[in-house]
């Protein structure tokens, strides 16, 4: 798991599947899932953030409960 200064965090569900949570600019957040090559998650998470599929709120809240408690879900 990794976190950047911009309140983003990723977790690997598999070596080829990453989930990324990201805080928005207005105290909101979203989470995205995507397939990756699995060569370097520290670099691949950004591609998932920009091009992954948005997760439903309930699924994202299970994976990132701290985001769910602190931020408003971005619709």
Protein backbone atom coordinates (compact mmCIF):
# COMPACT_ATOMS: atom_id res chain seq x y z
CA UNK A 1 0.00 0.00 0.00
CA UNK A 2 1.21 3.49 -0.74
CA UNK A 3 0.07 7.04 -0.09
CA UNK A 4 1.08 10.30 -1.72
CA UNK A 5 0.87 13.79 -0.25
CA UNK A 6 -2.30 14.48 -2.28
CA UNK A 7 -4.36 12.07 -0.15
CA UNK A 8 -4.27 9.26 -2.65
CA UNK A 9 -3.71 5.65 -1.79
CA UNK A 10 -3.59 2.42 -3.72
CA UNK A 11 -3.95 -1.21 -2.76
CA UNK A 12 -3.23 -4.29 -4.83
CA UNK A 13 -6.08 -6.81 -4.96
CA UNK A 14 -3.84 -8.99 -7.12
CA UNK A 15 -0.46 -8.41 -8.76
CA UNK A 16 -2.40 -7.31 -11.86
CA UNK A 17 -5.30 -5.41 -10.21
CA UNK A 18 -4.98 -2.10 -8.36
CA UNK A 19 -7.58 0.01 -6.59
CA UNK A 20 -6.86 3.71 -6.07
CA UNK A 21 -8.67 6.11 -3.72
CA UNK A 22 -8.30 9.83 -4.27
CA UNK A 23 -9.51 12.88 -2.41
CA UNK A 24 -11.05 15.55 -4.61
CA UNK A 25 -10.70 19.31 -4.32
CA UNK A 26 -13.85 19.84 -2.26
CA UNK A 27 -13.48 17.30 0.55
CA UNK A 28 -14.93 14.52 -1.60
CA UNK A 29 -13.41 11.27 -2.83
CA UNK A 30 -13.70 8.41 -5.33
CA UNK A 31 -12.03 5.06 -5.94
CA UNK A 32 -11.05 3.40 -9.20
CA UNK A 33 -10.07 -0.13 -10.19
CA UNK A 34 -7.97 -1.26 -13.11
CA UNK A 35 -5.75 -3.95 -14.56
CA UNK A 36 -2.01 -3.33 -14.67
CA UNK A 37 1.01 -5.19 -15.98
CA UNK A 38 2.18 -5.79 -12.43
CA UNK A 39 5.73 -4.62 -13.11
CA UNK A 40 5.81 -1.64 -10.74
CA UNK A 41 2.72 -0.72 -8.71
CA UNK A 42 4.43 2.45 -7.48
CA UNK A 43 4.19 3.75 -11.06
CA UNK A 44 1.10 1.90 -12.34
CA UNK A 45 -1.39 3.28 -9.79
CA UNK A 46 -1.49 6.63 -11.58
CA UNK A 47 -2.77 4.99 -14.78
CA UNK A 48 -5.58 3.37 -12.76
CA UNK A 49 -6.45 6.72 -11.17
CA UNK A 50 -6.81 8.37 -14.59
CA UNK A 51 -8.23 5.51 -16.66
CA UNK A 52 -9.68 2.95 -14.25
CA UNK A 53 -13.34 2.14 -13.68
CA UNK A 54 -15.03 3.99 -10.84
CA UNK A 55 -16.10 1.70 -8.02
CA UNK A 56 -19.53 1.85 -6.40
CA UNK A 57 -19.49 3.78 -3.13
CA UNK A 58 -20.26 0.75 -0.94
CA UNK A 59 -17.40 -1.28 -2.40
CA UNK A 60 -14.97 1.63 -2.15
CA UNK A 61 -15.94 2.25 1.49
CA UNK A 62 -15.07 -1.35 2.39
CA UNK A 63 -11.63 -1.04 0.80
CA UNK A 64 -10.92 2.47 2.13
CA UNK A 65 -12.93 2.96 5.36
CA UNK A 66 -10.77 5.91 6.43
CA UNK A 67 -11.70 7.81 3.26
CA UNK A 68 -15.37 6.93 3.77
CA UNK A 69 -15.30 8.33 7.30
CA UNK A 70 -13.39 11.50 6.49
CA UNK A 71 -14.65 12.60 3.06
CA UNK A 72 -17.96 12.92 1.18
CA UNK A 73 -18.43 10.49 -1.73
CA UNK A 74 -18.01 12.09 -5.16
CA UNK A 75 -20.95 11.13 -7.38
